[in-house]
């Protein structure tokens, strides 16, 4: 074991490369999708109970700021997770694994994710 190897455990000073950031965001959005599915299943169940349940779910999504925020977060997580998942599938086929192409794929993923999140915000709000 090399005792002279520097160890940096201060997470605030570590600069992650862009592909690492996109990969971490992919995992974070996966967790957000898991918890957002609870809200989505609640709304689905409410809307399928009866006509009044459907109206209540529609009113909740139309009138509640918190419900719109949760819905936007869920849809945003879904869209980013989709884009990053496609990037990972492309990498699984052996493309964009080199340093420069990996950086470019990460930039494209982030740009596409931001554009889709903004479009989702316009659609939901």
N, C-alpha and C. Protein backbone atom coordinates (compact mmCIF):
# COMPACT_ATOMS: atom_id res chain seq x y z
N UNK A 1 0.83 -1.17 0.00
CA UNK A 1 0.00 0.00 0.00
C UNK A 1 0.88 1.24 0.00
N UNK A 2 0.54 2.22 -0.82
CA UNK A 2 1.31 3.44 -0.95
C UNK A 2 0.85 4.44 0.10
N UNK A 3 1.71 4.70 1.09
CA UNK A 3 1.36 5.62 2.18
C UNK A 3 1.49 7.08 1.77
N UNK A 4 2.20 7.36 0.66
CA UNK A 4 2.43 8.74 0.25
C UNK A 4 1.32 9.26 -0.66
N UNK A 5 0.38 8.44 -0.98
CA UNK A 5 -0.70 8.85 -1.88
C UNK A 5 -1.59 9.87 -1.18
N UNK A 6 -1.84 11.02 -1.84
CA UNK A 6 -2.68 12.04 -1.19
C UNK A 6 -4.14 11.57 -1.14
N UNK A 7 -4.78 11.89 -0.04
CA UNK A 7 -6.18 11.54 0.13
C UNK A 7 -6.96 12.82 0.37
N UNK A 8 -7.92 13.09 -0.49
CA UNK A 8 -8.74 14.28 -0.36
C UNK A 8 -10.16 13.83 -0.04
N UNK A 9 -10.57 14.06 1.18
CA UNK A 9 -11.90 13.66 1.60
C UNK A 9 -12.85 14.84 1.72
N UNK A 10 -12.40 16.03 1.34
CA UNK A 10 -13.25 17.21 1.40
C UNK A 10 -14.06 17.28 0.11
N UNK A 11 -15.35 16.92 0.20
CA UNK A 11 -16.19 16.84 -0.98
C UNK A 11 -16.42 18.20 -1.64
N UNK A 12 -16.22 19.29 -0.90
CA UNK A 12 -16.43 20.61 -1.46
C UNK A 12 -15.30 21.04 -2.39
N UNK A 13 -14.14 20.41 -2.28
CA UNK A 13 -13.01 20.79 -3.12
C UNK A 13 -12.80 19.84 -4.29
N UNK A 14 -13.52 18.73 -4.34
CA UNK A 14 -13.36 17.78 -5.42
C UNK A 14 -14.13 18.30 -6.64
N UNK A 15 -13.45 18.38 -7.79
CA UNK A 15 -14.10 18.82 -9.02
C UNK A 15 -14.35 17.58 -9.87
N UNK A 16 -15.63 17.25 -9.99
CA UNK A 16 -16.00 16.08 -10.77
C UNK A 16 -16.02 16.40 -12.25
N UNK A 17 -15.59 15.47 -13.10
CA UNK A 17 -15.71 15.70 -14.54
C UNK A 17 -17.18 15.66 -14.96
N UNK A 18 -17.48 16.30 -16.08
CA UNK A 18 -18.85 16.42 -16.55
C UNK A 18 -19.55 15.06 -16.74
N UNK A 19 -18.87 14.05 -17.32
CA UNK A 19 -19.55 12.75 -17.42
C UNK A 19 -19.94 12.16 -16.07
N UNK A 20 -19.15 12.43 -15.04
CA UNK A 20 -19.50 11.95 -13.71
C UNK A 20 -20.73 12.66 -13.18
N UNK A 21 -20.83 13.96 -13.44
CA UNK A 21 -21.99 14.73 -13.00
C UNK A 21 -23.26 14.19 -13.65
N UNK A 22 -23.20 13.93 -14.97
CA UNK A 22 -24.39 13.41 -15.65
C UNK A 22 -24.76 12.03 -15.13
N UNK A 23 -23.78 11.22 -14.80
CA UNK A 23 -24.06 9.89 -14.27
C UNK A 23 -24.69 9.97 -12.88
N UNK A 24 -24.18 10.86 -12.05
CA UNK A 24 -24.74 11.03 -10.71
C UNK A 24 -26.18 11.57 -10.81
N UNK A 25 -26.39 12.53 -11.71
CA UNK A 25 -27.75 13.05 -11.90
C UNK A 25 -28.70 11.97 -12.40
N UNK A 26 -28.19 11.06 -13.21
CA UNK A 26 -29.02 9.94 -13.69
C UNK A 26 -29.48 9.09 -12.51
N UNK A 27 -28.59 8.85 -11.58
CA UNK A 27 -28.96 8.07 -10.39
C UNK A 27 -29.91 8.83 -9.49
N UNK A 28 -29.67 10.12 -9.32
CA UNK A 28 -30.53 10.95 -8.47
C UNK A 28 -31.95 11.01 -9.05
N UNK A 29 -32.05 11.16 -10.38
CA UNK A 29 -33.37 11.21 -10.99
C UNK A 29 -34.07 9.86 -10.90
N UNK A 30 -33.31 8.78 -10.87
CA UNK A 30 -33.92 7.46 -10.67
C UNK A 30 -34.57 7.36 -9.30
N UNK A 31 -33.90 7.88 -8.28
CA UNK A 31 -34.47 7.90 -6.93
C UNK A 31 -35.69 8.82 -6.89
N UNK A 32 -35.59 9.97 -7.54
CA UNK A 32 -36.73 10.90 -7.59
C UNK A 32 -37.93 10.27 -8.28
N UNK A 33 -37.68 9.49 -9.32
CA UNK A 33 -38.78 8.80 -10.00
C UNK A 33 -39.45 7.78 -9.08
N UNK A 34 -38.65 7.11 -8.28
CA UNK A 34 -39.21 6.13 -7.34
C UNK A 34 -40.19 6.81 -6.38
N UNK A 35 -39.76 7.93 -5.80
CA UNK A 35 -40.62 8.62 -4.84
C UNK A 35 -41.74 9.40 -5.53
N UNK A 36 -41.48 9.93 -6.72
CA UNK A 36 -42.53 10.63 -7.46
C UNK A 36 -43.63 9.68 -7.92
N UNK A 37 -43.28 8.42 -8.10
CA UNK A 37 -44.29 7.43 -8.51
C UNK A 37 -45.36 7.26 -7.43
N UNK A 38 -45.01 7.51 -6.18
CA UNK A 38 -46.00 7.42 -5.10
C UNK A 38 -47.11 8.45 -5.34
N UNK A 39 -46.70 9.69 -5.65
CA UNK A 39 -47.68 10.75 -5.93
C UNK A 39 -48.47 10.43 -7.19
N UNK A 40 -47.79 9.94 -8.22
CA UNK A 40 -48.47 9.61 -9.47
C UNK A 40 -49.48 8.48 -9.27
N UNK A 41 -49.13 7.48 -8.48
CA UNK A 41 -50.06 6.37 -8.23
C UNK A 41 -51.24 6.84 -7.38
N UNK A 42 -51.00 7.77 -6.45
CA UNK A 42 -52.09 8.32 -5.67
C UNK A 42 -53.09 9.03 -6.58
N UNK A 43 -52.56 9.88 -7.47
CA UNK A 43 -53.45 10.60 -8.40
C UNK A 43 -54.17 9.64 -9.34
N UNK A 44 -53.48 8.63 -9.82
CA UNK A 44 -54.11 7.66 -10.71
C UNK A 44 -55.23 6.93 -9.99
N UNK A 45 -54.95 6.47 -8.77
CA UNK A 45 -55.97 5.77 -7.99
C UNK A 45 -57.17 6.65 -7.71
N UNK A 46 -56.89 7.92 -7.36
CA UNK A 46 -57.97 8.86 -7.09
C UNK A 46 -58.81 9.09 -8.35
N UNK A 47 -58.15 9.22 -9.47
CA UNK A 47 -58.88 9.52 -10.71
C UNK A 47 -59.69 8.32 -11.22
N UNK A 48 -59.30 7.12 -10.83
CA UNK A 48 -60.01 5.92 -11.30
C UNK A 48 -61.13 5.47 -10.37
N UNK A 49 -61.24 6.09 -9.19
CA UNK A 49 -62.28 5.69 -8.24
C UNK A 49 -63.68 5.98 -8.78
N UNK A 50 -63.87 7.20 -9.23
CA UNK A 50 -65.20 7.62 -9.69
C UNK A 50 -65.05 8.92 -10.46
N UNK A 51 -66.18 9.41 -10.95
CA UNK A 51 -66.15 10.69 -11.66
C UNK A 51 -65.74 11.81 -10.70
N UNK A 52 -66.23 11.76 -9.47
CA UNK A 52 -65.87 12.81 -8.50
C UNK A 52 -64.39 12.70 -8.11
N UNK A 53 -63.86 11.48 -8.07
CA UNK A 53 -62.43 11.31 -7.81
C UNK A 53 -61.59 11.86 -8.93
N UNK A 54 -62.05 11.63 -10.16
CA UNK A 54 -61.35 12.18 -11.32
C UNK A 54 -61.36 13.71 -11.26
N UNK A 55 -62.52 14.27 -10.93
CA UNK A 55 -62.63 15.73 -10.82
C UNK A 55 -61.73 16.27 -9.72
N UNK A 56 -61.65 15.54 -8.60
CA UNK A 56 -60.78 15.97 -7.50
C UNK A 56 -59.31 15.95 -7.93
N UNK A 57 -58.90 14.91 -8.64
CA UNK A 57 -57.51 14.83 -9.12
C UNK A 57 -57.22 15.95 -10.11
N UNK A 58 -58.17 16.22 -11.01
CA UNK A 58 -58.00 17.29 -11.99
C UNK A 58 -57.93 18.65 -11.29
N UNK A 59 -58.79 18.86 -10.29
CA UNK A 59 -58.76 20.12 -9.54
C UNK A 59 -57.45 20.28 -8.79
N UNK A 60 -56.95 19.20 -8.22
CA UNK A 60 -55.68 19.24 -7.49
C UNK A 60 -54.54 19.65 -8.43
N UNK A 61 -54.50 19.05 -9.61
CA UNK A 61 -53.44 19.39 -10.56
C UNK A 61 -53.61 20.78 -11.16
N UNK A 62 -54.82 21.26 -11.21
CA UNK A 62 -55.06 22.58 -11.80
C UNK A 62 -54.84 23.70 -10.78
N UNK A 63 -55.22 23.47 -9.52
CA UNK A 63 -55.26 24.57 -8.55
C UNK A 63 -54.12 24.57 -7.54
N UNK A 64 -53.49 23.45 -7.29
CA UNK A 64 -52.50 23.36 -6.22
C UNK A 64 -51.09 23.63 -6.74
N UNK A 65 -50.44 24.65 -6.18
CA UNK A 65 -49.05 24.95 -6.54
C UNK A 65 -48.14 23.78 -6.21
N UNK A 66 -48.34 23.18 -5.03
CA UNK A 66 -47.49 22.06 -4.61
C UNK A 66 -47.65 20.86 -5.54
N UNK A 67 -48.89 20.58 -5.94
CA UNK A 67 -49.12 19.46 -6.85
C UNK A 67 -48.46 19.71 -8.21
N UNK A 68 -48.53 20.94 -8.69
CA UNK A 68 -47.87 21.27 -9.96
C UNK A 68 -46.36 21.16 -9.82
N UNK A 69 -45.83 21.59 -8.69
CA UNK A 69 -44.39 21.51 -8.46
C UNK A 69 -43.93 20.05 -8.41
N UNK A 70 -44.66 19.23 -7.71
CA UNK A 70 -44.32 17.80 -7.64
C UNK A 70 -44.43 17.16 -9.02
N UNK A 71 -45.46 17.51 -9.76
CA UNK A 71 -45.65 16.96 -11.10
C UNK A 71 -44.51 17.40 -12.02
N UNK A 72 -44.14 18.67 -11.94
CA UNK A 72 -43.03 19.16 -12.76
C UNK A 72 -41.73 18.46 -12.39
N UNK A 73 -41.49 18.27 -11.10
CA UNK A 73 -40.30 17.55 -10.67
C UNK A 73 -40.29 16.12 -11.17
N UNK A 74 -41.44 15.47 -11.10
CA UNK A 74 -41.54 14.08 -11.56
C UNK A 74 -41.31 13.98 -13.07
N UNK A 75 -41.96 14.83 -13.82
CA UNK A 75 -41.81 14.81 -15.28
C UNK A 75 -40.38 15.21 -15.68
N UNK A 76 -39.81 16.18 -14.98
CA UNK A 76 -38.43 16.58 -15.26
C UNK A 76 -37.46 15.44 -14.98
N UNK A 77 -37.65 14.76 -13.87
CA UNK A 77 -36.79 13.62 -13.55
C UNK A 77 -36.94 12.53 -14.61
N UNK A 78 -38.17 12.30 -15.03
CA UNK A 78 -38.42 11.29 -16.06
C UNK A 78 -37.72 11.64 -17.37
N UNK A 79 -37.81 12.89 -17.79
CA UNK A 79 -37.20 13.30 -19.05
C UNK A 79 -35.68 13.25 -19.00
N UNK A 80 -35.08 13.77 -17.91
CA UNK A 80 -33.62 13.71 -17.80
C UNK A 80 -33.16 12.26 -17.72
N UNK A 81 -33.86 11.45 -16.95
CA UNK A 81 -33.49 10.05 -16.79
C UNK A 81 -33.56 9.32 -18.14
N UNK A 82 -34.54 9.67 -18.95
CA UNK A 82 -34.65 9.10 -20.29
C UNK A 82 -33.46 9.48 -21.16
N UNK A 83 -33.12 10.77 -21.18
CA UNK A 83 -32.01 11.24 -22.01
C UNK A 83 -30.69 10.60 -21.55
N UNK A 84 -30.45 10.59 -20.24
CA UNK A 84 -29.22 9.99 -19.72
C UNK A 84 -29.20 8.48 -19.94
N UNK A 85 -30.36 7.86 -19.88
CA UNK A 85 -30.43 6.41 -20.14
C UNK A 85 -30.09 6.09 -21.58
N UNK A 86 -30.53 6.92 -22.51
CA UNK A 86 -30.17 6.72 -23.92
C UNK A 86 -28.66 6.90 -24.09
N UNK A 87 -28.08 7.88 -23.40
CA UNK A 87 -26.62 8.07 -23.46
C UNK A 87 -25.90 6.83 -22.94
N UNK A 88 -26.40 6.27 -21.85
CA UNK A 88 -25.77 5.07 -21.30
C UNK A 88 -25.93 3.88 -22.25
N UNK A 89 -27.08 3.77 -22.91
CA UNK A 89 -27.26 2.70 -23.89
C UNK A 89 -26.29 2.84 -25.05
N UNK A 90 -26.10 4.06 -25.52
CA UNK A 90 -25.15 4.30 -26.60
C UNK A 90 -23.74 3.90 -26.15
N UNK A 91 -23.41 4.25 -24.91
CA UNK A 91 -22.09 3.87 -24.38
C UNK A 91 -21.98 2.35 -24.25
N UNK A 92 -23.07 1.67 -23.92
CA UNK A 92 -23.04 0.21 -23.82
C UNK A 92 -22.74 -0.45 -25.16
N UNK A 93 -23.08 0.22 -26.25
CA UNK A 93 -22.78 -0.29 -27.58
C UNK A 93 -21.36 0.05 -28.03
N UNK A 94 -20.60 0.73 -27.16
CA UNK A 94 -19.20 1.00 -27.45
C UNK A 94 -18.91 2.36 -28.04
N UNK A 95 -19.89 3.25 -28.10
CA UNK A 95 -19.68 4.59 -28.63
C UNK A 95 -19.54 5.58 -27.49
N UNK A 96 -18.86 6.66 -27.76
CA UNK A 96 -18.70 7.78 -26.79
C UNK A 96 -18.02 7.33 -25.50
N UNK A 97 -17.09 6.41 -25.60
CA UNK A 97 -16.38 5.95 -24.41
C UNK A 97 -15.02 6.63 -24.25
N UNK A 98 -14.57 7.30 -25.30
CA UNK A 98 -13.29 8.01 -25.21
C UNK A 98 -13.49 9.31 -24.44
N UNK A 99 -12.40 9.92 -24.03
CA UNK A 99 -12.48 11.10 -23.17
C UNK A 99 -13.24 12.25 -23.83
N UNK A 100 -12.86 12.63 -25.04
CA UNK A 100 -13.50 13.76 -25.70
C UNK A 100 -14.95 13.47 -26.10
N UNK A 101 -15.21 12.28 -26.65
CA UNK A 101 -16.58 11.96 -27.04
C UNK A 101 -17.47 11.78 -25.81
N UNK A 102 -16.89 11.31 -24.71
CA UNK A 102 -17.65 11.20 -23.47
C UNK A 102 -18.04 12.57 -22.93
N UNK A 103 -17.12 13.51 -23.02
CA UNK A 103 -17.43 14.89 -22.59
C UNK A 103 -18.52 15.49 -23.47
N UNK A 104 -18.41 15.27 -24.78
CA UNK A 104 -19.42 15.80 -25.69
C UNK A 104 -20.78 15.17 -25.42
N UNK A 105 -20.81 13.87 -25.19
CA UNK A 105 -22.07 13.19 -24.88
C UNK A 105 -22.67 13.72 -23.58
N UNK A 106 -21.82 14.02 -22.61
CA UNK A 106 -22.30 14.58 -21.34
C UNK A 106 -22.89 15.97 -21.55
N UNK A 107 -22.22 16.78 -22.37
CA UNK A 107 -22.74 18.13 -22.66
C UNK A 107 -24.09 18.04 -23.38
N UNK A 108 -24.18 17.16 -24.36
CA UNK A 108 -25.43 17.00 -25.10
C UNK A 108 -26.54 16.53 -24.15
N UNK A 109 -26.20 15.61 -23.26
CA UNK A 109 -27.18 15.11 -22.29
C UNK A 109 -27.69 16.23 -21.39
N UNK A 110 -26.78 17.05 -20.88
CA UNK A 110 -27.20 18.14 -20.00
C UNK A 110 -28.02 19.18 -20.75
N UNK A 111 -27.60 19.54 -21.96
CA UNK A 111 -28.33 20.53 -22.73
C UNK A 111 -29.73 20.02 -23.08
N UNK A 112 -29.81 18.78 -23.56
CA UNK A 112 -31.12 18.20 -23.89
C UNK A 112 -31.99 18.10 -22.64
N UNK A 113 -31.38 17.73 -21.51
CA UNK A 113 -32.14 17.64 -20.27
C UNK A 113 -32.70 18.98 -19.84
N UNK A 114 -31.89 20.03 -19.91
CA UNK A 114 -32.34 21.36 -19.52
C UNK A 114 -33.46 21.84 -20.44
N UNK A 115 -33.30 21.64 -21.74
CA UNK A 115 -34.34 22.04 -22.70
C UNK A 115 -35.65 21.31 -22.40
N UNK A 116 -35.57 20.01 -22.17
CA UNK A 116 -36.78 19.23 -21.90
C UNK A 116 -37.43 19.62 -20.57
N UNK A 117 -36.62 19.91 -19.56
CA UNK A 117 -37.15 20.34 -18.27
C UNK A 117 -37.88 21.68 -18.41
N UNK A 118 -37.30 22.60 -19.17
CA UNK A 118 -37.96 23.88 -19.39
C UNK A 118 -39.26 23.72 -20.18
N UNK A 119 -39.23 22.86 -21.19
CA UNK A 119 -40.46 22.62 -21.95
C UNK A 119 -41.53 21.97 -21.07
N UNK A 120 -41.12 21.07 -20.19
CA UNK A 120 -42.07 20.45 -19.27
C UNK A 120 -42.67 21.49 -18.34
N UNK A 121 -41.84 22.43 -17.90
CA UNK A 121 -42.34 23.50 -17.05
C UNK A 121 -43.37 24.36 -17.75
N UNK A 122 -43.12 24.69 -19.01
CA UNK A 122 -44.09 25.47 -19.79
C UNK A 122 -45.39 24.68 -19.96
N UNK A 123 -45.26 23.38 -20.21
CA UNK A 123 -46.45 22.55 -20.43
C UNK A 123 -47.28 22.40 -19.15
N UNK A 124 -46.63 22.20 -18.01
CA UNK A 124 -47.33 21.96 -16.75
C UNK A 124 -47.89 23.24 -16.16
N UNK A 125 -47.16 24.33 -16.22
CA UNK A 125 -47.61 25.56 -15.58
C UNK A 125 -48.52 26.29 -16.51
